[in-house]
PDB file of all heavy atoms in Angstrom:
ATOM      1  N   PHE A   1      67.727-108.067 -43.865  1.00  0.00           N
ATOM      2  CA  PHE A   1      68.379-108.751 -42.750  1.00  0.00           C
ATOM      3  C   PHE A   1      69.164-107.736 -41.909  1.00  0.00           C
ATOM      4  O   PHE A   1      70.138-107.155 -42.388  1.00  0.00           O
ATOM      5  CB  PHE A   1      69.326-109.836 -43.268  1.00  0.00           C
ATOM      6  CG  PHE A   1      68.673-110.829 -44.188  1.00  0.00           C
ATOM      7  CD1 PHE A   1      68.956-110.824 -45.546  1.00  0.00           C
ATOM      8  CD2 PHE A   1      67.750-111.741 -43.705  1.00  0.00           C
ATOM      9  CE1 PHE A   1      68.361-111.721 -46.400  1.00  0.00           C
ATOM     10  CE2 PHE A   1      67.139-112.656 -44.560  1.00  0.00           C
ATOM     11  CZ  PHE A   1      67.440-112.638 -45.909  1.00  0.00           C
ATOM     12  N   PRO A   2      68.777-107.509 -40.680  1.00  0.00           N
ATOM     13  CA  PRO A   2      69.411-106.472 -39.859  1.00  0.00           C
ATOM     14  C   PRO A   2      70.919-106.627 -39.708  1.00  0.00           C
ATOM     15  O   PRO A   2      71.635-105.629 -39.616  1.00  0.00           O
ATOM     16  CB  PRO A   2      68.713-106.628 -38.505  1.00  0.00           C
ATOM     17  CG  PRO A   2      67.408-107.272 -38.816  1.00  0.00           C
ATOM     18  CD  PRO A   2      67.655-108.168 -39.986  1.00  0.00           C
ATOM     19  N   ALA A   3      71.422-107.854 -39.701  1.00  0.00           N
ATOM     20  CA  ALA A   3      72.848-108.076 -39.453  1.00  0.00           C
ATOM     21  C   ALA A   3      73.694-108.018 -40.724  1.00  0.00           C
ATOM     22  O   ALA A   3      74.923-108.061 -40.642  1.00  0.00           O
ATOM     23  CB  ALA A   3      73.050-109.440 -38.784  1.00  0.00           C
ATOM     24  N   PHE A   4      73.056-107.889 -41.882  1.00  0.00           N
ATOM     25  CA  PHE A   4      73.803-108.039 -43.127  1.00  0.00           C
ATOM     26  C   PHE A   4      74.848-106.947 -43.322  1.00  0.00           C
ATOM     27  O   PHE A   4      75.940-107.201 -43.832  1.00  0.00           O
ATOM     28  CB  PHE A   4      72.844-108.069 -44.319  1.00  0.00           C
ATOM     29  CG  PHE A   4      73.520-108.397 -45.625  1.00  0.00           C
ATOM     30  CD1 PHE A   4      73.918-109.692 -45.900  1.00  0.00           C
ATOM     31  CD2 PHE A   4      73.753-107.413 -46.578  1.00  0.00           C
ATOM     32  CE1 PHE A   4      74.542-110.010 -47.091  1.00  0.00           C
ATOM     33  CE2 PHE A   4      74.379-107.717 -47.787  1.00  0.00           C
ATOM     34  CZ  PHE A   4      74.774-109.025 -48.040  1.00  0.00           C
ATOM     35  N   ALA A   5      74.549-105.725 -42.940  1.00  0.00           N
ATOM     36  CA  ALA A   5      75.518-104.635 -43.119  1.00  0.00           C
ATOM     37  C   ALA A   5      76.801-104.925 -42.352  1.00  0.00           C
ATOM     38  O   ALA A   5      77.907-104.742 -42.876  1.00  0.00           O
ATOM     39  CB  ALA A   5      74.908-103.308 -42.667  1.00  0.00           C
ATOM     40  N   ALA A   6      76.677-105.377 -41.106  1.00  0.00           N
ATOM     41  CA  ALA A   6      77.864-105.701 -40.311  1.00  0.00           C
ATOM     42  C   ALA A   6      78.597-106.901 -40.899  1.00  0.00           C
ATOM     43  O   ALA A   6      79.843-106.949 -40.880  1.00  0.00           O
ATOM     44  CB  ALA A   6      77.464-105.980 -38.860  1.00  0.00           C
ATOM     45  N   GLU A   7      77.857-107.858 -41.425  1.00  0.00           N
ATOM     46  CA  GLU A   7      78.484-109.043 -42.017  1.00  0.00           C
ATOM     47  C   GLU A   7      79.285-108.688 -43.265  1.00  0.00           C
ATOM     48  O   GLU A   7      80.388-109.207 -43.482  1.00  0.00           O
ATOM     49  CB  GLU A   7      77.408-110.079 -42.326  1.00  0.00           C
ATOM     50  CG  GLU A   7      76.770-110.666 -41.077  1.00  0.00           C
ATOM     51  CD  GLU A   7      75.441-111.359 -41.343  1.00  0.00           C
ATOM     52  OE1 GLU A   7      74.948-111.314 -42.494  1.00  0.00           O
ATOM     53  OE2 GLU A   7      74.878-111.936 -40.387  1.00  0.00           O
ATOM     54  N   THR A   8      78.745-107.812 -44.095  1.00  0.00           N
ATOM     55  CA  THR A   8      79.481-107.416 -45.299  1.00  0.00           C
ATOM     56  C   THR A   8      80.709-106.585 -44.943  1.00  0.00           C
ATOM     57  O   THR A   8      81.749-106.690 -45.610  1.00  0.00           O
ATOM     58  CB  THR A   8      78.586-106.632 -46.267  1.00  0.00           C
ATOM     59  OG1 THR A   8      77.981-105.520 -45.581  1.00  0.00           O
ATOM     60  CG2 THR A   8      77.494-107.517 -46.835  1.00  0.00           C
ATOM     61  N   ARG A   9      80.616-105.760 -43.896  1.00  0.00           N
ATOM     62  CA  ARG A   9      81.798-105.007 -43.460  1.00  0.00           C
ATOM     63  C   ARG A   9      82.895-105.957 -42.985  1.00  0.00           C
ATOM     64  O   ARG A   9      84.081-105.757 -43.280  1.00  0.00           O
ATOM     65  CB  ARG A   9      81.431-104.018 -42.356  1.00  0.00           C
ATOM     66  CG  ARG A   9      80.667-102.798 -42.847  1.00  0.00           C
ATOM     67  CD  ARG A   9      80.637-101.710 -41.789  1.00  0.00           C
ATOM     68  NE  ARG A   9      79.939-102.119 -40.589  1.00  0.00           N
ATOM     69  CZ  ARG A   9      78.631-101.931 -40.377  1.00  0.00           C
ATOM     70  NH1 ARG A   9      77.897-101.330 -41.304  1.00  0.00           N
ATOM     71  NH2 ARG A   9      78.064-102.310 -39.243  1.00  0.00           N
ATOM     72  N   ALA A  10      82.505-106.996 -42.256  1.00  0.00           N
ATOM     73  CA  ALA A  10      83.494-107.981 -41.787  1.00  0.00           C
ATOM     74  C   ALA A  10      84.137-108.695 -42.971  1.00  0.00           C
ATOM     75  O   ALA A  10      85.355-108.930 -42.992  1.00  0.00           O
ATOM     76  CB  ALA A  10      82.823-108.994 -40.858  1.00  0.00           C
ATOM     77  N   PHE A  11      83.337-109.028 -43.973  1.00  0.00           N
ATOM     78  CA  PHE A  11      83.893-109.670 -45.166  1.00  0.00           C
ATOM     79  C   PHE A  11      84.870-108.744 -45.882  1.00  0.00           C
ATOM     80  O   PHE A  11      85.965-109.164 -46.282  1.00  0.00           O
ATOM     81  CB  PHE A  11      82.759-110.074 -46.115  1.00  0.00           C
ATOM     82  CG  PHE A  11      83.254-110.634 -47.426  1.00  0.00           C
ATOM     83  CD1 PHE A  11      83.623-111.966 -47.526  1.00  0.00           C
ATOM     84  CD2 PHE A  11      83.357-109.834 -48.559  1.00  0.00           C
ATOM     85  CE1 PHE A  11      84.099-112.487 -48.731  1.00  0.00           C
ATOM     86  CE2 PHE A  11      83.822-110.339 -49.758  1.00  0.00           C
ATOM     87  CZ  PHE A  11      84.194-111.672 -49.845  1.00  0.00           C
ATOM     88  N   GLN A  12      84.502-107.474 -46.043  1.00  0.00           N
ATOM     89  CA  GLN A  12      85.365-106.530 -46.751  1.00  0.00           C
ATOM     90  C   GLN A  12      86.669-106.297 -45.996  1.00  0.00           C
ATOM     91  O   GLN A  12      87.738-106.170 -46.620  1.00  0.00           O
ATOM     92  CB  GLN A  12      84.626-105.205 -46.970  1.00  0.00           C
ATOM     93  CG  GLN A  12      83.490-105.284 -47.982  1.00  0.00           C
ATOM     94  CD  GLN A  12      83.969-105.640 -49.377  1.00  0.00           C
ATOM     95  OE1 GLN A  12      85.105-105.349 -49.755  1.00  0.00           O
ATOM     96  NE2 GLN A  12      83.104-106.267 -50.158  1.00  0.00           N
ATOM     97  N   ARG A  13      86.618-106.227 -44.677  1.00  0.00           N
ATOM     98  CA  ARG A  13      87.853-106.072 -43.905  1.00  0.00           C
ATOM     99  C   ARG A  13      88.767-107.282 -44.099  1.00  0.00           C
ATOM    100  O   ARG A  13      89.991-107.136 -44.256  1.00  0.00           O
ATOM    101  CB  ARG A  13      87.526-105.891 -42.414  1.00  0.00           C
ATOM    102  CG  ARG A  13      86.960-104.532 -42.048  1.00  0.00           C
ATOM    103  CD  ARG A  13      87.000-104.322 -40.547  1.00  0.00           C
ATOM    104  NE  ARG A  13      86.213-105.318 -39.833  1.00  0.00           N
ATOM    105  CZ  ARG A  13      84.935-105.163 -39.490  1.00  0.00           C
ATOM    106  NH1 ARG A  13      84.297-104.039 -39.820  1.00  0.00           N
ATOM    107  NH2 ARG A  13      84.290-106.103 -38.827  1.00  0.00           N
ATOM    108  N   THR A  14      88.182-108.465 -44.075  1.00  0.00           N
ATOM    109  CA  THR A  14      88.970-109.683 -44.259  1.00  0.00           C
ATOM    110  C   THR A  14      89.549-109.742 -45.665  1.00  0.00           C
ATOM    111  O   THR A  14      90.715-110.108 -45.854  1.00  0.00           O
ATOM    112  CB  THR A  14      88.086-110.916 -44.005  1.00  0.00           C
ATOM    113  OG1 THR A  14      87.493-110.819 -42.710  1.00  0.00           O
ATOM    114  CG2 THR A  14      88.895-112.198 -44.070  1.00  0.00           C
ATOM    115  N   LEU A  15      88.735-109.383 -46.647  1.00  0.00           N
ATOM    116  CA  LEU A  15      89.209-109.379 -48.032  1.00  0.00           C
ATOM    117  C   LEU A  15      90.373-108.413 -48.208  1.00  0.00           C
ATOM    118  O   LEU A  15      91.378-108.733 -48.881  1.00  0.00           O
ATOM    119  CB  LEU A  15      88.047-108.996 -48.962  1.00  0.00           C
ATOM    120  CG  LEU A  15      88.369-108.891 -50.451  1.00  0.00           C
ATOM    121  CD1 LEU A  15      88.783-110.247 -51.007  1.00  0.00           C
ATOM    122  CD2 LEU A  15      87.156-108.342 -51.215  1.00  0.00           C
ATOM    123  N   LYS A  16      90.260-107.229 -47.625  1.00  0.00           N
ATOM    124  CA  LYS A  16      91.322-106.236 -47.736  1.00  0.00           C
ATOM    125  C   LYS A  16      92.616-106.765 -47.108  1.00  0.00           C
ATOM    126  O   LYS A  16      93.711-106.579 -47.673  1.00  0.00           O
ATOM    127  CB  LYS A  16      90.884-104.946 -47.041  1.00  0.00           C
ATOM    128  CG  LYS A  16      91.880-103.806 -47.155  1.00  0.00           C
ATOM    129  CD  LYS A  16      91.335-102.540 -46.506  1.00  0.00           C
ATOM    130  CE  LYS A  16      92.331-101.388 -46.612  1.00  0.00           C
ATOM    131  NZ  LYS A  16      91.784-100.143 -45.983  1.00  0.00           N
ATOM    132  N   SER A  17      92.508-107.423 -45.966  1.00  0.00           N
ATOM    133  CA  SER A  17      93.698-107.965 -45.300  1.00  0.00           C
ATOM    134  C   SER A  17      94.318-109.079 -46.134  1.00  0.00           C
ATOM    135  O   SER A  17      95.555-109.147 -46.271  1.00  0.00           O
ATOM    136  CB  SER A  17      93.326-108.500 -43.911  1.00  0.00           C
ATOM    137  OG  SER A  17      92.872-107.456 -43.079  1.00  0.00           O
ATOM    138  N   ARG A  18      93.497-109.951 -46.687  1.00  0.00           N
ATOM    139  CA  ARG A  18      94.044-111.033 -47.524  1.00  0.00           C
ATOM    140  C   ARG A  18      94.725-110.477 -48.764  1.00  0.00           C
ATOM    141  O   ARG A  18      95.812-110.935 -49.156  1.00  0.00           O
ATOM    142  CB  ARG A  18      92.937-112.001 -47.923  1.00  0.00           C
ATOM    143  CG  ARG A  18      93.461-113.231 -48.681  1.00  0.00           C
ATOM    144  CD  ARG A  18      92.351-114.197 -49.037  1.00  0.00           C
ATOM    145  NE  ARG A  18      92.879-115.471 -49.499  1.00  0.00           N
ATOM    146  CZ  ARG A  18      93.139-115.762 -50.776  1.00  0.00           C
ATOM    147  NH1 ARG A  18      92.928-114.841 -51.715  1.00  0.00           N
ATOM    148  NH2 ARG A  18      93.614-116.951 -51.116  1.00  0.00           N
ATOM    149  N   ASN A  19      94.114-109.494 -49.392  1.00  0.00           N
ATOM    150  CA  ASN A  19      94.716-108.905 -50.591  1.00  0.00           C
ATOM    151  C   ASN A  19      96.057-108.239 -50.274  1.00  0.00           C
ATOM    152  O   ASN A  19      96.988-108.274 -51.092  1.00  0.00           O
ATOM    153  CB  ASN A  19      93.761-107.893 -51.218  1.00  0.00           C
ATOM    154  CG  ASN A  19      92.611-108.552 -51.952  1.00  0.00           C
ATOM    155  OD1 ASN A  19      92.646-109.748 -52.248  1.00  0.00           O
ATOM    156  ND2 ASN A  19      91.577-107.785 -52.243  1.00  0.00           N
ATOM    157  N   ARG A  20      96.152-107.628 -49.103  1.00  0.00           N
ATOM    158  CA  ARG A  20      97.425-107.020 -48.720  1.00  0.00           C
ATOM    159  C   ARG A  20      98.513-108.084 -48.596  1.00  0.00           C
ATOM    160  O   ARG A  20      99.649-107.888 -49.063  1.00  0.00           O
ATOM    161  CB  ARG A  20      97.264-106.268 -47.405  1.00  0.00           C
ATOM    162  CG  ARG A  20      98.517-105.487 -47.019  1.00  0.00           C
ATOM    163  CD  ARG A  20      98.394-104.799 -45.666  1.00  0.00           C
ATOM    164  NE  ARG A  20      98.296-105.744 -44.575  1.00  0.00           N
ATOM    165  CZ  ARG A  20      97.212-105.983 -43.875  1.00  0.00           C
ATOM    166  NH1 ARG A  20      96.087-105.347 -44.142  1.00  0.00           N
ATOM    167  NH2 ARG A  20      97.211-106.867 -42.893  1.00  0.00           N
ATOM    168  N   LEU A  21      98.176-109.208 -47.984  1.00  0.00           N
ATOM    169  CA  LEU A  21      99.157-110.294 -47.855  1.00  0.00           C
ATOM    170  C   LEU A  21      99.548-110.850 -49.217  1.00  0.00           C
ATOM    171  O   LEU A  21     100.714-111.205 -49.440  1.00  0.00           O
ATOM    172  CB  LEU A  21      98.592-111.405 -46.971  1.00  0.00           C
ATOM    173  CG  LEU A  21      98.381-111.071 -45.494  1.00  0.00           C
ATOM    174  CD1 LEU A  21      97.749-112.249 -44.772  1.00  0.00           C
ATOM    175  CD2 LEU A  21      99.700-110.681 -44.833  1.00  0.00           C
ATOM    176  N   LEU A  22      98.578-110.934 -50.118  1.00  0.00           N
ATOM    177  CA  LEU A  22      98.886-111.435 -51.462  1.00  0.00           C
ATOM    178  C   LEU A  22      99.875-110.515 -52.168  1.00  0.00           C
ATOM    179  O   LEU A  22     100.828-110.979 -52.809  1.00  0.00           O
ATOM    180  CB  LEU A  22      97.599-111.553 -52.284  1.00  0.00           C
ATOM    181  CG  LEU A  22      96.596-112.634 -51.859  1.00  0.00           C
ATOM    182  CD1 LEU A  22      95.296-112.480 -52.635  1.00  0.00           C
ATOM    183  CD2 LEU A  22      97.180-114.033 -52.067  1.00  0.00           C
ATOM    184  N   LYS A  23      99.664-109.219 -52.065  1.00  0.00           N
ATOM    185  CA  LYS A  23     100.563-108.264 -52.714  1.00  0.00           C
ATOM    186  C   LYS A  23     101.951-108.289 -52.088  1.00  0.00           C
ATOM    187  O   LYS A  23     102.962-108.094 -52.775  1.00  0.00           O
ATOM    188  CB  LYS A  23      99.967-106.863 -52.633  1.00  0.00           C
ATOM    189  CG  LYS A  23      98.720-106.681 -53.477  1.00  0.00           C
ATOM    190  CD  LYS A  23      98.110-105.293 -53.297  1.00  0.00           C
ATOM    191  CE  LYS A  23      96.844-105.153 -54.128  1.00  0.00           C
ATOM    192  NZ  LYS A  23      96.194-103.826 -53.927  1.00  0.00           N
ATOM    193  N   GLU A  24     101.997-108.527 -50.782  1.00  0.00           N
ATOM    194  CA  GLU A  24     103.284-108.582 -50.086  1.00  0.00           C
ATOM    195  C   GLU A  24     103.941-109.952 -50.199  1.00  0.00           C
ATOM    196  O   GLU A  24     105.076-110.129 -49.758  1.00  0.00           O
ATOM    197  CB  GLU A  24     103.085-108.245 -48.605  1.00  0.00           C
ATOM    198  CG  GLU A  24     102.602-106.826 -48.348  1.00  0.00           C
ATOM    199  CD  GLU A  24     102.244-106.582 -46.897  1.00  0.00           C
ATOM    200  OE1 GLU A  24     102.205-107.570 -46.121  1.00  0.00           O
ATOM    201  OE2 GLU A  24     101.994-105.422 -46.539  1.00  0.00           O
ATOM    202  N   ARG A  25     103.206-110.917 -50.797  1.00  0.00           N
ATOM    203  CA  ARG A  25     103.682-112.304 -50.897  1.00  0.00           C
ATOM    204  C   ARG A  25     104.074-112.840 -49.515  1.00  0.00           C
ATOM    205  O   ARG A  25     105.094-113.504 -49.332  1.00  0.00           O
ATOM    206  CB  ARG A  25     104.849-112.411 -51.875  1.00  0.00           C
ATOM    207  CG  ARG A  25     104.458-112.092 -53.312  1.00  0.00           C
ATOM    208  CD  ARG A  25     105.627-112.168 -54.252  1.00  0.00           C
ATOM    209  NE  ARG A  25     105.189-111.973 -55.634  1.00  0.00           N
ATOM    210  CZ  ARG A  25     104.850-112.942 -56.475  1.00  0.00           C
ATOM    211  NH1 ARG A  25     104.915-114.208 -56.060  1.00  0.00           N
ATOM    212  NH2 ARG A  25     104.454-112.669 -57.710  1.00  0.00           N
ATOM    213  N   SER A  26     103.218-112.524 -48.554  1.00  0.00           N
ATOM    214  CA  SER A  26     103.405-112.978 -47.182  1.00  0.00           C
ATOM    215  C   SER A  26     102.447-114.134 -46.931  1.00  0.00           C
ATOM    216  O   SER A  26     101.245-113.939 -46.757  1.00  0.00           O
ATOM    217  CB  SER A  26     103.127-111.823 -46.205  1.00  0.00           C
ATOM    218  OG  SER A  26     103.224-112.257 -44.882  1.00  0.00           O
ATOM    219  N   PHE A  27     102.982-115.344 -46.922  1.00  0.00           N
ATOM    220  CA  PHE A  27     102.127-116.530 -46.919  1.00  0.00           C
ATOM    221  C   PHE A  27     101.840-117.097 -45.524  1.00  0.00           C
ATOM    222  O   PHE A  27     100.971-117.940 -45.375  1.00  0.00           O
ATOM    223  CB  PHE A  27     102.783-117.631 -47.768  1.00  0.00           C
ATOM    224  CG  PHE A  27     103.155-117.167 -49.151  1.00  0.00           C
ATOM    225  CD1 PHE A  27     104.473-117.169 -49.564  1.00  0.00           C
ATOM    226  CD2 PHE A  27     102.183-116.722 -50.023  1.00  0.00           C
ATOM    227  CE1 PHE A  27     104.815-116.731 -50.833  1.00  0.00           C
ATOM    228  CE2 PHE A  27     102.515-116.290 -51.295  1.00  0.00           C
ATOM    229  CZ  PHE A  27     103.839-116.291 -51.699  1.00  0.00           C
ATOM    230  N   ALA A  28     102.553-116.632 -44.530  1.00  0.00           N
ATOM    231  CA  ALA A  28     102.454-117.251 -43.207  1.00  0.00           C
ATOM    232  C   ALA A  28     101.043-117.184 -42.629  1.00  0.00           C
ATOM    233  O   ALA A  28     100.584-118.126 -41.983  1.00  0.00           O
ATOM    234  CB  ALA A  28     103.446-116.583 -42.248  1.00  0.00           C
ATOM    235  N   GLN A  29     100.329-116.061 -42.870  1.00  0.00           N
ATOM    236  CA  GLN A  29      99.014-115.882 -42.263  1.00  0.00           C
ATOM    237  C   GLN A  29      97.862-116.112 -43.241  1.00  0.00           C
ATOM    238  O   GLN A  29      96.706-115.932 -42.869  1.00  0.00           O
ATOM    239  CB  GLN A  29      98.905-114.467 -41.702  1.00  0.00           C
ATOM    240  CG  GLN A  29      99.936-114.137 -40.642  1.00  0.00           C
ATOM    241  CD  GLN A  29      99.772-112.721 -40.132  1.00  0.00           C
ATOM    242  OE1 GLN A  29      98.662-112.262 -39.879  1.00  0.00           O
ATOM    243  NE2 GLN A  29     100.875-112.009 -39.969  1.00  0.00           N
ATOM    244  N   LEU A  30      98.182-116.492 -44.457  1.00  0.00           N
ATOM    245  CA  LEU A  30      97.115-116.628 -45.458  1.00  0.00           C
ATOM    246  C   LEU A  30      96.070-117.663 -45.059  1.00  0.00           C
ATOM    247  O   LEU A  30      94.877-117.467 -45.309  1.00  0.00           O
ATOM    248  CB  LEU A  30      97.711-117.000 -46.816  1.00  0.00           C
ATOM    249  CG  LEU A  30      98.024-115.848 -47.763  1.00  0.00           C
ATOM    250  CD1 LEU A  30      98.610-116.368 -49.063  1.00  0.00           C
ATOM    251  CD2 LEU A  30      96.770-115.016 -48.041  1.00  0.00           C
ATOM    252  N   GLU A  31      96.490-118.733 -44.447  1.00  0.00           N
ATOM    253  CA  GLU A  31      95.535-119.785 -44.077  1.00  0.00           C
ATOM    254  C   GLU A  31      94.465-119.261 -43.124  1.00  0.00           C
ATOM    255  O   GLU A  31      93.280-119.578 -43.259  1.00  0.00           O
ATOM    256  CB  GLU A  31      96.273-120.958 -43.450  1.00  0.00           C
ATOM    257  CG  GLU A  31      95.347-122.135 -43.137  1.00  0.00           C
ATOM    258  CD  GLU A  31      96.112-123.347 -42.607  1.00  0.00           C
ATOM    259  OE1 GLU A  31      97.353-123.378 -42.762  1.00  0.00           O
ATOM    260  OE2 GLU A  31      95.461-124.248 -42.062  1.00  0.00           O
ATOM    261  N   VAL A  32      94.902-118.419 -42.166  1.00  0.00           N
ATOM    262  CA  VAL A  32      93.947-117.849 -41.205  1.00  0.00           C
ATOM    263  C   VAL A  32      92.949-116.960 -41.923  1.00  0.00           C
ATOM    264  O   VAL A  32      91.736-117.030 -41.675  1.00  0.00           O
ATOM    265  CB  VAL A  32      94.697-117.055 -40.121  1.00  0.00           C
ATOM    266  CG1 VAL A  32      93.693-116.337 -39.207  1.00  0.00           C
ATOM    267  CG2 VAL A  32      95.593-117.970 -39.319  1.00  0.00           C
ATOM    268  N   TRP A  33      93.447-116.111 -42.831  1.00  0.00           N
ATOM    269  CA  TRP A  33      92.559-115.211 -43.561  1.00  0.00           C
ATOM    270  C   TRP A  33      91.670-115.969 -44.542  1.00  0.00           C
ATOM    271  O   TRP A  33      90.533-115.564 -44.794  1.00  0.00           O
ATOM    272  CB  TRP A  33      93.368-114.136 -44.272  1.00  0.00           C
ATOM    273  CG  TRP A  33      93.995-113.162 -43.323  1.00  0.00           C
ATOM    274  CD1 TRP A  33      95.324-113.023 -43.039  1.00  0.00           C
ATOM    275  CD2 TRP A  33      93.314-112.217 -42.501  1.00  0.00           C
ATOM    276  NE1 TRP A  33      95.507-112.051 -42.083  1.00  0.00           N
ATOM    277  CE2 TRP A  33      94.290-111.534 -41.739  1.00  0.00           C
ATOM    278  CE3 TRP A  33      91.980-111.889 -42.318  1.00  0.00           C
ATOM    279  CZ2 TRP A  33      93.969-110.538 -40.824  1.00  0.00           C
ATOM    280  CZ3 TRP A  33      91.654-110.886 -41.407  1.00  0.00           C
ATOM    281  CH2 TRP A  33      92.635-110.233 -40.672  1.00  0.00           C
ATOM    282  N   ASN A  34      92.162-117.066 -45.106  1.00  0.00           N
ATOM    283  CA  ASN A  34      91.328-117.894 -45.973  1.00  0.00           C
ATOM    284  C   ASN A  34      90.114-118.417 -45.216  1.00  0.00           C
ATOM    285  O   ASN A  34      88.981-118.392 -45.719  1.00  0.00           O
ATOM    286  CB  ASN A  34      92.126-119.074 -46.527  1.00  0.00           C
ATOM    287  CG  ASN A  34      93.113-118.666 -47.606  1.00  0.00           C
ATOM    288  OD1 ASN A  34      93.103-117.520 -48.056  1.00  0.00           O
ATOM    289  ND2 ASN A  34      93.953-119.602 -48.017  1.00  0.00           N
ATOM    290  N   GLU A  35      90.359-118.894 -44.001  1.00  0.00           N
ATOM    291  CA  GLU A  35      89.253-119.447 -43.203  1.00  0.00           C
ATOM    292  C   GLU A  35      88.242-118.370 -42.842  1.00  0.00           C
ATOM    293  O   GLU A  35      87.021-118.595 -42.907  1.00  0.00           O
ATOM    294  CB  GLU A  35      89.824-120.102 -41.943  1.00  0.00           C
ATOM    295  CG  GLU A  35      90.643-121.354 -42.217  1.00  0.00           C
ATOM    296  CD  GLU A  35      91.270-121.928 -40.958  1.00  0.00           C
ATOM    297  OE1 GLU A  35      91.127-121.298 -39.887  1.00  0.00           O
ATOM    298  OE2 GLU A  35      91.903-122.998 -41.046  1.00  0.00           O
ATOM    299  N   SER A  36      88.731-117.197 -42.472  1.00  0.00           N
ATOM    300  CA  SER A  36      87.826-116.101 -42.125  1.00  0.00           C
ATOM    301  C   SER A  36      87.037-115.636 -43.345  1.00  0.00           C
ATOM    302  O   SER A  36      85.821-115.403 -43.266  1.00  0.00           O
ATOM    303  CB  SER A  36      88.627-114.942 -41.537  1.00  0.00           C
ATOM    304  OG  SER A  36      87.775-113.866 -41.189  1.00  0.00           O
ATOM    305  N   LEU A  37      87.716-115.513 -44.483  1.00  0.00           N
ATOM    306  CA  LEU A  37      87.035-115.077 -45.696  1.00  0.00           C
ATOM    307  C   LEU A  37      85.983-116.092 -46.123  1.00  0.00           C
ATOM    308  O   LEU A  37      84.885-115.716 -46.561  1.00  0.00           O
ATOM    309  CB  LEU A  37      88.055-114.876 -46.822  1.00  0.00           C
ATOM    310  CG  LEU A  37      87.556-114.086 -48.033  1.00  0.00           C
ATOM    311  CD1 LEU A  37      87.340-112.621 -47.668  1.00  0.00           C
ATOM    312  CD2 LEU A  37      88.543-114.192 -49.190  1.00  0.00           C
ATOM    313  N   ALA A  38      86.288-117.368 -45.992  1.00  0.00           N
ATOM    314  CA  ALA A  38      85.326-118.410 -46.357  1.00  0.00           C
ATOM    315  C   ALA A  38      84.101-118.365 -45.447  1.00  0.00           C
ATOM    316  O   ALA A  38      82.958-118.534 -45.904  1.00  0.00           O
ATOM    317  CB  ALA A  38      85.990-119.784 -46.290  1.00  0.00           C
ATOM    318  N   ARG A  39      84.325-118.115 -44.171  1.00  0.00           N
ATOM    319  CA  ARG A  39      83.203-118.065 -43.218  1.00  0.00           C
ATOM    320  C   ARG A  39      82.275-116.897 -43.525  1.00  0.00           C
ATOM    321  O   ARG A  39      81.060-117.061 -43.619  1.00  0.00           O
ATOM    322  CB  ARG A  39      83.745-117.962 -41.795  1.00  0.00           C
ATOM    323  CG  ARG A  39      82.649-117.974 -40.735  1.00  0.00           C
ATOM    324  CD  ARG A  39      83.232-118.027 -39.341  1.00  0.00           C
ATOM    325  NE  ARG A  39      83.923-116.796 -38.980  1.00  0.00           N
ATOM    326  CZ  ARG A  39      85.229-116.663 -38.906  1.00  0.00           C
ATOM    327  NH1 ARG A  39      86.026-117.680 -39.187  1.00  0.00           N
ATOM    328  NH2 ARG A  39      85.788-115.503 -38.564  1.00  0.00           N
TER     329      ARG A  39
END
């Protein structure tokens, strides 16, 4: 699938951002990152 590499990069960027918020216990933006990670 030609688009898969870009899709996995987008997932990894989102995952990294969510994990950073989890470590910082910063909950305000978690909902936004949850939706992006799920997509």
